[in-house]
Amino acid sequence: MALVAQGLTNQEIAARLHLSEFTVKNHIHCIMKHMAADSRHEAVDRLRASGRSLRLTTPHLIITSNHSRPPSFRTRFG
């Protein structure tokens, strides 16, 4: 959410974090739902007010590595 707070678009965040735009949208949507926010900016404001971290990475984001490819990102739902 720090990148959202900086005003970056989903496409810019995806490029910076080497994720698909869909993944970024999904994570932001989940955070907005969790924070009961109607917009991404409201979610940032609520996170700031609660004292929570603005990091985009959530507990569901796991970095995995594969020896034949650079590290990849996948989401874990469980």
PDB file of N, CA and C in Angstrom:
ATOM      1  N   MET A   1       0.821  -1.185   0.000  1.00  0.00           N
ATOM      2  CA  MET A   1       0.000   0.000   0.000  1.00  0.00           C
ATOM      3  C   MET A   1       0.867   1.251   0.000  1.00  0.00           C
ATOM      4  N   ALA A   2       2.131   1.088   0.315  1.00  0.00           N
ATOM      5  CA  ALA A   2       3.025   2.247   0.266  1.00  0.00           C
ATOM      6  C   ALA A   2       3.102   2.802  -1.151  1.00  0.00           C
ATOM      7  N   LEU A   3       3.093   1.927  -2.138  1.00  0.00           N
ATOM      8  CA  LEU A   3       3.154   2.383  -3.527  1.00  0.00           C
ATOM      9  C   LEU A   3       1.837   3.029  -3.946  1.00  0.00           C
ATOM     10  N   VAL A   4       0.734   2.535  -3.422  1.00  0.00           N
ATOM     11  CA  VAL A   4      -0.564   3.174  -3.670  1.00  0.00           C
ATOM     12  C   VAL A   4      -0.547   4.566  -3.060  1.00  0.00           C
ATOM     13  N   ALA A   5      -0.025   4.670  -1.835  1.00  0.00           N
ATOM     14  CA  ALA A   5       0.055   5.958  -1.152  1.00  0.00           C
ATOM     15  C   ALA A   5       0.931   6.950  -1.919  1.00  0.00           C
ATOM     16  N   GLN A   6       1.909   6.437  -2.674  1.00  0.00           N
ATOM     17  CA  GLN A   6       2.768   7.301  -3.481  1.00  0.00           C
ATOM     18  C   GLN A   6       2.093   7.731  -4.773  1.00  0.00           C
ATOM     19  N   GLY A   7       0.905   7.188  -5.044  1.00  0.00           N
ATOM     20  CA  GLY A   7       0.153   7.582  -6.227  1.00  0.00           C
ATOM     21  C   GLY A   7       0.400   6.730  -7.463  1.00  0.00           C
ATOM     22  N   LEU A   8       1.070   5.588  -7.302  1.00  0.00           N
ATOM     23  CA  LEU A   8       1.332   4.726  -8.446  1.00  0.00           C
ATOM     24  C   LEU A   8       0.064   3.994  -8.877  1.00  0.00           C
ATOM     25  N   THR A   9      -0.050   3.745 -10.163  1.00  0.00           N
ATOM     26  CA  THR A   9      -1.180   2.980 -10.701  1.00  0.00           C
ATOM     27  C   THR A   9      -0.914   1.491 -10.485  1.00  0.00           C
ATOM     28  N   ASN A  10      -1.966   0.691 -10.658  1.00  0.00           N
ATOM     29  CA  ASN A  10      -1.794  -0.764 -10.549  1.00  0.00           C
ATOM     30  C   ASN A  10      -0.752  -1.262 -11.534  1.00  0.00           C
ATOM     31  N   GLN A  11      -0.766  -0.710 -12.742  1.00  0.00           N
ATOM     32  CA  GLN A  11       0.193  -1.120 -13.771  1.00  0.00           C
ATOM     33  C   GLN A  11       1.623  -0.780 -13.348  1.00  0.00           C
ATOM     34  N   GLU A  12       1.828   0.395 -12.783  1.00  0.00           N
ATOM     35  CA  GLU A  12       3.166   0.800 -12.333  1.00  0.00           C
ATOM     36  C   GLU A  12       3.629  -0.054 -11.156  1.00  0.00           C
ATOM     37  N   ILE A  13       2.710  -0.359 -10.236  1.00  0.00           N
ATOM     38  CA  ILE A  13       3.048  -1.212  -9.088  1.00  0.00           C
ATOM     39  C   ILE A  13       3.419  -2.609  -9.581  1.00  0.00           C
ATOM     40  N   ALA A  14       2.638  -3.141 -10.511  1.00  0.00           N
ATOM     41  CA  ALA A  14       2.908  -4.475 -11.049  1.00  0.00           C
ATOM     42  C   ALA A  14       4.286  -4.537 -11.702  1.00  0.00           C
ATOM     43  N   ALA A  15       4.614  -3.525 -12.478  1.00  0.00           N
ATOM     44  CA  ALA A  15       5.925  -3.504 -13.140  1.00  0.00           C
ATOM     45  C   ALA A  15       7.049  -3.415 -12.117  1.00  0.00           C
ATOM     46  N   ARG A  16       6.878  -2.592 -11.112  1.00  0.00           N
ATOM     47  CA  ARG A  16       7.926  -2.406 -10.103  1.00  0.00           C
ATOM     48  C   ARG A  16       8.152  -3.674  -9.282  1.00  0.00           C
ATOM     49  N   LEU A  17       7.058  -4.418  -8.999  1.00  0.00           N
ATOM     50  CA  LEU A  17       7.166  -5.610  -8.148  1.00  0.00           C
ATOM     51  C   LEU A  17       7.234  -6.912  -8.944  1.00  0.00           C
ATOM     52  N   HIS A  18       7.241  -6.800 -10.274  1.00  0.00           N
ATOM     53  CA  HIS A  18       7.306  -7.976 -11.150  1.00  0.00           C
ATOM     54  C   HIS A  18       6.136  -8.924 -10.888  1.00  0.00           C
ATOM     55  N   LEU A  19       4.950  -8.333 -10.799  1.00  0.00           N
ATOM     56  CA  LEU A  19       3.710  -9.071 -10.619  1.00  0.00           C
ATOM     57  C   LEU A  19       2.786  -8.755 -11.778  1.00  0.00           C
ATOM     58  N   SER A  20       1.750  -9.551 -11.930  1.00  0.00           N
ATOM     59  CA  SER A  20       0.752  -9.207 -12.939  1.00  0.00           C
ATOM     60  C   SER A  20      -0.134  -8.099 -12.381  1.00  0.00           C
ATOM     61  N   GLU A  21      -0.710  -7.335 -13.280  1.00  0.00           N
ATOM     62  CA  GLU A  21      -1.611  -6.264 -12.852  1.00  0.00           C
ATOM     63  C   GLU A  21      -2.810  -6.861 -12.114  1.00  0.00           C
ATOM     64  N   PHE A  22      -3.271  -8.027 -12.548  1.00  0.00           N
ATOM     65  CA  PHE A  22      -4.382  -8.705 -11.881  1.00  0.00           C
ATOM     66  C   PHE A  22      -4.041  -9.003 -10.424  1.00  0.00           C
ATOM     67  N   THR A  23      -2.822  -9.483 -10.164  1.00  0.00           N
ATOM     68  CA  THR A  23      -2.403  -9.798  -8.796  1.00  0.00           C
ATOM     69  C   THR A  23      -2.428  -8.550  -7.932  1.00  0.00           C
ATOM     70  N   VAL A  24      -1.922  -7.451  -8.454  1.00  0.00           N
ATOM     71  CA  VAL A  24      -1.919  -6.195  -7.698  1.00  0.00           C
ATOM     72  C   VAL A  24      -3.350  -5.760  -7.405  1.00  0.00           C
ATOM     73  N   LYS A  25      -4.210  -5.798  -8.425  1.00  0.00           N
ATOM     74  CA  LYS A  25      -5.615  -5.425  -8.222  1.00  0.00           C
ATOM     75  C   LYS A  25      -6.265  -6.300  -7.164  1.00  0.00           C
ATOM     76  N   ASN A  26      -5.986  -7.587  -7.216  1.00  0.00           N
ATOM     77  CA  ASN A  26      -6.571  -8.523  -6.263  1.00  0.00           C
ATOM     78  C   ASN A  26      -6.124  -8.216  -4.837  1.00  0.00           C
ATOM     79  N   HIS A  27      -4.837  -7.972  -4.646  1.00  0.00           N
ATOM     80  CA  HIS A  27      -4.333  -7.679  -3.307  1.00  0.00           C
ATOM     81  C   HIS A  27      -4.923  -6.377  -2.776  1.00  0.00           C
ATOM     82  N   ILE A  28      -4.974  -5.364  -3.609  1.00  0.00           N
ATOM     83  CA  ILE A  28      -5.533  -4.079  -3.178  1.00  0.00           C
ATOM     84  C   ILE A  28      -7.016  -4.245  -2.847  1.00  0.00           C
ATOM     85  N   HIS A  29      -7.729  -5.010  -3.676  1.00  0.00           N
ATOM     86  CA  HIS A  29      -9.144  -5.264  -3.417  1.00  0.00           C
ATOM     87  C   HIS A  29      -9.335  -5.964  -2.065  1.00  0.00           C
ATOM     88  N   CYS A  30      -8.508  -6.976  -1.782  1.00  0.00           N
ATOM     89  CA  CYS A  30      -8.608  -7.703  -0.511  1.00  0.00           C
ATOM     90  C   CYS A  30      -8.319  -6.789   0.674  1.00  0.00           C
ATOM     91  N   ILE A  31      -7.342  -5.925   0.537  1.00  0.00           N
ATOM     92  CA  ILE A  31      -7.017  -4.981   1.607  1.00  0.00           C
ATOM     93  C   ILE A  31      -8.174  -4.003   1.803  1.00  0.00           C
ATOM     94  N   MET A  32      -8.734  -3.502   0.697  1.00  0.00           N
ATOM     95  CA  MET A  32      -9.869  -2.581   0.789  1.00  0.00           C
ATOM     96  C   MET A  32     -11.046  -3.258   1.484  1.00  0.00           C
ATOM     97  N   LYS A  33     -11.314  -4.500   1.136  1.00  0.00           N
ATOM     98  CA  LYS A  33     -12.413  -5.241   1.761  1.00  0.00           C
ATOM     99  C   LYS A  33     -12.152  -5.417   3.254  1.00  0.00           C
ATOM    100  N   HIS A  34     -10.938  -5.794   3.604  1.00  0.00           N
ATOM    101  CA  HIS A  34     -10.574  -5.998   5.008  1.00  0.00           C
ATOM    102  C   HIS A  34     -10.698  -4.703   5.817  1.00  0.00           C
ATOM    103  N   MET A  35     -10.343  -3.586   5.195  1.00  0.00           N
ATOM    104  CA  MET A  35     -10.390  -2.292   5.879  1.00  0.00           C
ATOM    105  C   MET A  35     -11.758  -1.620   5.741  1.00  0.00           C
ATOM    106  N   ALA A  36     -12.707  -2.267   5.066  1.00  0.00           N
ATOM    107  CA  ALA A  36     -14.043  -1.706   4.815  1.00  0.00           C
ATOM    108  C   ALA A  36     -13.935  -0.336   4.156  1.00  0.00           C
ATOM    109  N   ALA A  37     -13.068  -0.256   3.156  1.00  0.00           N
ATOM    110  CA  ALA A  37     -12.825   1.001   2.444  1.00  0.00           C
ATOM    111  C   ALA A  37     -13.479   0.948   1.074  1.00  0.00           C
ATOM    112  N   ASP A  38     -14.022   2.071   0.646  1.00  0.00           N
ATOM    113  CA  ASP A  38     -14.665   2.156  -0.662  1.00  0.00           C
ATOM    114  C   ASP A  38     -13.690   2.514  -1.780  1.00  0.00           C
ATOM    115  N   SER A  39     -12.496   2.981  -1.428  1.00  0.00           N
ATOM    116  CA  SER A  39     -11.500   3.338  -2.436  1.00  0.00           C
ATOM    117  C   SER A  39     -10.115   2.980  -1.915  1.00  0.00           C
ATOM    118  N   ARG A  40      -9.174   2.916  -2.834  1.00  0.00           N
ATOM    119  CA  ARG A  40      -7.796   2.609  -2.442  1.00  0.00           C
ATOM    120  C   ARG A  40      -7.217   3.696  -1.557  1.00  0.00           C
ATOM    121  N   HIS A  41      -7.625   4.944  -1.807  1.00  0.00           N
ATOM    122  CA  HIS A  41      -7.124   6.058  -0.992  1.00  0.00           C
ATOM    123  C   HIS A  41      -7.711   6.016   0.422  1.00  0.00           C
ATOM    124  N   GLU A  42      -8.956   5.605   0.521  1.00  0.00           N
ATOM    125  CA  GLU A  42      -9.567   5.439   1.846  1.00  0.00           C
ATOM    126  C   GLU A  42      -8.876   4.316   2.612  1.00  0.00           C
ATOM    127  N   ALA A  43      -8.505   3.249   1.910  1.00  0.00           N
ATOM    128  CA  ALA A  43      -7.786   2.144   2.555  1.00  0.00           C
ATOM    129  C   ALA A  43      -6.449   2.622   3.105  1.00  0.00           C
ATOM    130  N   VAL A  44      -5.735   3.440   2.336  1.00  0.00           N
ATOM    131  CA  VAL A  44      -4.456   3.992   2.802  1.00  0.00           C
ATOM    132  C   VAL A  44      -4.691   4.843   4.046  1.00  0.00           C
ATOM    133  N   ASP A  45      -5.703   5.704   4.017  1.00  0.00           N
ATOM    134  CA  ASP A  45      -6.003   6.552   5.176  1.00  0.00           C
ATOM    135  C   ASP A  45      -6.340   5.719   6.402  1.00  0.00           C
ATOM    136  N   ARG A  46      -7.125   4.671   6.219  1.00  0.00           N
ATOM    137  CA  ARG A  46      -7.503   3.815   7.352  1.00  0.00           C
ATOM    138  C   ARG A  46      -6.299   3.043   7.888  1.00  0.00           C
ATOM    139  N   LEU A  47      -5.418   2.590   6.984  1.00  0.00           N
ATOM    140  CA  LEU A  47      -4.206   1.905   7.436  1.00  0.00           C
ATOM    141  C   LEU A  47      -3.319   2.845   8.236  1.00  0.00           C
ATOM    142  N   ARG A  48      -3.159   4.070   7.746  1.00  0.00           N
ATOM    143  CA  ARG A  48      -2.358   5.055   8.481  1.00  0.00           C
ATOM    144  C   ARG A  48      -2.962   5.332   9.850  1.00  0.00           C
ATOM    145  N   ALA A  49      -4.273   5.520   9.899  1.00  0.00           N
ATOM    146  CA  ALA A  49      -4.959   5.831  11.154  1.00  0.00           C
ATOM    147  C   ALA A  49      -4.854   4.685  12.158  1.00  0.00           C
ATOM    148  N   SER A  50      -4.813   3.453  11.651  1.00  0.00           N
ATOM    149  CA  SER A  50      -4.740   2.288  12.544  1.00  0.00           C
ATOM    150  C   SER A  50      -3.315   1.992  12.997  1.00  0.00           C
ATOM    151  N   GLY A  51      -2.342   2.653  12.363  1.00  0.00           N
ATOM    152  CA  GLY A  51      -0.950   2.408  12.711  1.00  0.00           C
ATOM    153  C   GLY A  51      -0.370   1.175  12.039  1.00  0.00           C
ATOM    154  N   ARG A  52      -1.112   0.581  11.123  1.00  0.00           N
ATOM    155  CA  ARG A  52      -0.624  -0.607  10.416  1.00  0.00           C
ATOM    156  C   ARG A  52       0.347  -0.210   9.321  1.00  0.00           C
ATOM    157  N   SER A  53       1.122  -1.176   8.886  1.00  0.00           N
ATOM    158  CA  SER A  53       2.111  -0.947   7.838  1.00  0.00           C
ATOM    159  C   SER A  53       1.426  -0.690   6.505  1.00  0.00           C
ATOM    160  N   LEU A  54       2.051   0.144   5.685  1.00  0.00           N
ATOM    161  CA  LEU A  54       1.544   0.419   4.350  1.00  0.00           C
ATOM    162  C   LEU A  54       2.205  -0.464   3.299  1.00  0.00           C
ATOM    163  N   ARG A  55       2.992  -1.461   3.721  1.00  0.00           N
ATOM    164  CA  ARG A  55       3.639  -2.358   2.759  1.00  0.00           C
ATOM    165  C   ARG A  55       2.592  -3.042   1.906  1.00  0.00           C
ATOM    166  N   LEU A  56       2.838  -3.175   0.609  1.00  0.00           N
ATOM    167  CA  LEU A  56       1.904  -3.846  -0.290  1.00  0.00           C
ATOM    168  C   LEU A  56       1.862  -5.335   0.005  1.00  0.00           C
ATOM    169  N   THR A  57       2.991  -5.897   0.379  1.00  0.00           N
ATOM    170  CA  THR A  57       3.032  -7.330   0.618  1.00  0.00           C
ATOM    171  C   THR A  57       2.154  -7.663   1.812  1.00  0.00           C
ATOM    172  N   THR A  58       1.359  -8.677   1.665  1.00  0.00           N
ATOM    173  CA  THR A  58       0.471  -9.147   2.718  1.00  0.00           C
ATOM    174  C   THR A  58       0.977 -10.492   3.197  1.00  0.00           C
ATOM    175  N   PRO A  59       0.442 -11.002   4.299  1.00  0.00           N
ATOM    176  CA  PRO A  59       0.881 -12.328   4.748  1.00  0.00           C
ATOM    177  C   PRO A  59       0.647 -13.415   3.704  1.00  0.00           C
ATOM    178  N   HIS A  60      -0.238 -13.162   2.744  1.00  0.00           N
ATOM    179  CA  HIS A  60      -0.527 -14.167   1.735  1.00  0.00           C
ATOM    180  C   HIS A  60       0.478 -14.176   0.592  1.00  0.00           C
ATOM    181  N   LEU A  61       1.343 -13.161   0.515  1.00  0.00           N
ATOM    182  CA  LEU A  61       2.299 -13.093  -0.584  1.00  0.00           C
ATOM    183  C   LEU A  61       3.579 -13.808  -0.173  1.00  0.00           C
ATOM    184  N   ILE A  62       3.917 -14.822  -0.929  1.00  0.00           N
ATOM    185  CA  ILE A  62       5.095 -15.645  -0.618  1.00  0.00           C
ATOM    186  C   ILE A  62       6.064 -15.556  -1.790  1.00  0.00           C
ATOM    187  N   ILE A  63       7.337 -15.381  -1.495  1.00  0.00           N
ATOM    188  CA  ILE A  63       8.360 -15.382  -2.528  1.00  0.00           C
ATOM    189  C   ILE A  63       8.943 -16.790  -2.585  1.00  0.00           C
ATOM    190  N   THR A  64       8.907 -17.375  -3.756  1.00  0.00           N
ATOM    191  CA  THR A  64       9.486 -18.700  -3.927  1.00  0.00           C
ATOM    192  C   THR A  64      10.599 -18.602  -4.947  1.00  0.00           C
ATOM    193  N   SER A  65      11.509 -19.532  -4.899  1.00  0.00           N
ATOM    194  CA  SER A  65      12.583 -19.518  -5.891  1.00  0.00           C
ATOM    195  C   SER A  65      12.596 -20.846  -6.627  1.00  0.00           C
ATOM    196  N   ASN A  66      13.031 -20.772  -7.856  1.00  0.00           N
ATOM    197  CA  ASN A  66      13.164 -21.943  -8.703  1.00  0.00           C
ATOM    198  C   ASN A  66      14.565 -21.831  -9.306  1.00  0.00           C
ATOM    199  N   HIS A  67      15.347 -22.875  -9.202  1.00  0.00           N
ATOM    200  CA  HIS A  67      16.739 -22.794  -9.654  1.00  0.00           C
ATOM    201  C   HIS A  67      16.876 -22.473 -11.142  1.00  0.00           C
ATOM    202  N   SER A  68      15.879 -22.830 -11.939  1.00  0.00           N
ATOM    203  CA  SER A  68      15.991 -22.590 -13.375  1.00  0.00           C
ATOM    204  C   SER A  68      15.470 -21.213 -13.786  1.00  0.00           C
ATOM    205  N   ARG A  69      14.792 -20.519 -12.882  1.00  0.00           N
ATOM    206  CA  ARG A  69      14.227 -19.210 -13.197  1.00  0.00           C
ATOM    207  C   ARG A  69      14.493 -18.256 -12.041  1.00  0.00           C
ATOM    208  N   PRO A  70      14.394 -16.960 -12.298  1.00  0.00           N
ATOM    209  CA  PRO A  70      14.520 -16.010 -11.198  1.00  0.00           C
ATOM    210  C   PRO A  70      13.370 -16.203 -10.202  1.00  0.00           C
ATOM    211  N   PRO A  71      13.470 -15.627  -8.995  1.00  0.00           N
ATOM    212  CA  PRO A  71      12.399 -15.793  -8.027  1.00  0.00           C
ATOM    213  C   PRO A  71      11.052 -15.380  -8.625  1.00  0.00           C
ATOM    214  N   SER A  72      10.040 -16.141  -8.278  1.00  0.00           N
ATOM    215  CA  SER A  72       8.701 -15.825  -8.763  1.00  0.00           C
ATOM    216  C   SER A  72       7.800 -15.590  -7.561  1.00  0.00           C
ATOM    217  N   PHE A  73       6.680 -14.978  -7.817  1.00  0.00           N
ATOM    218  CA  PHE A  73       5.759 -14.678  -6.741  1.00  0.00           C
ATOM    219  C   PHE A  73       4.498 -15.485  -6.975  1.00  0.00           C
ATOM    220  N   ARG A  74       3.956 -15.984  -5.904  1.00  0.00           N
ATOM    221  CA  ARG A  74       2.675 -16.652  -6.003  1.00  0.00           C
ATOM    222  C   ARG A  74       1.870 -16.314  -4.763  1.00  0.00           C
ATOM    223  N   THR A  75       0.571 -16.425  -4.865  1.00  0.00           N
ATOM    224  CA  THR A  75      -0.267 -16.155  -3.705  1.00  0.00           C
ATOM    225  C   THR A  75      -0.718 -17.460  -3.106  1.00  0.00           C
ATOM    226  N   ARG A  76      -0.883 -17.460  -1.816  1.00  0.00           N
ATOM    227  CA  ARG A  76      -1.339 -18.655  -1.101  1.00  0.00           C
ATOM    228  C   ARG A  76      -2.674 -18.310  -0.474  1.00  0.00           C
ATOM    229  N   PHE A  77      -3.656 -19.075  -0.805  1.00  0.00           N
ATOM    230  CA  PHE A  77      -4.974 -18.890  -0.204  1.00  0.00           C
ATOM    231  C   PHE A  77      -5.248 -20.123   0.637  1.00  0.00           C
ATOM    232  N   GLY A  78      -5.469 -19.940   1.895  1.00  0.00           N
ATOM    233  CA  GLY A  78      -5.712 -21.112   2.712  1.00  0.00           C
ATOM    234  C   GLY A  78      -6.179 -20.844   4.057  1.00  0.00           C
TER     235      GLY A  78
END
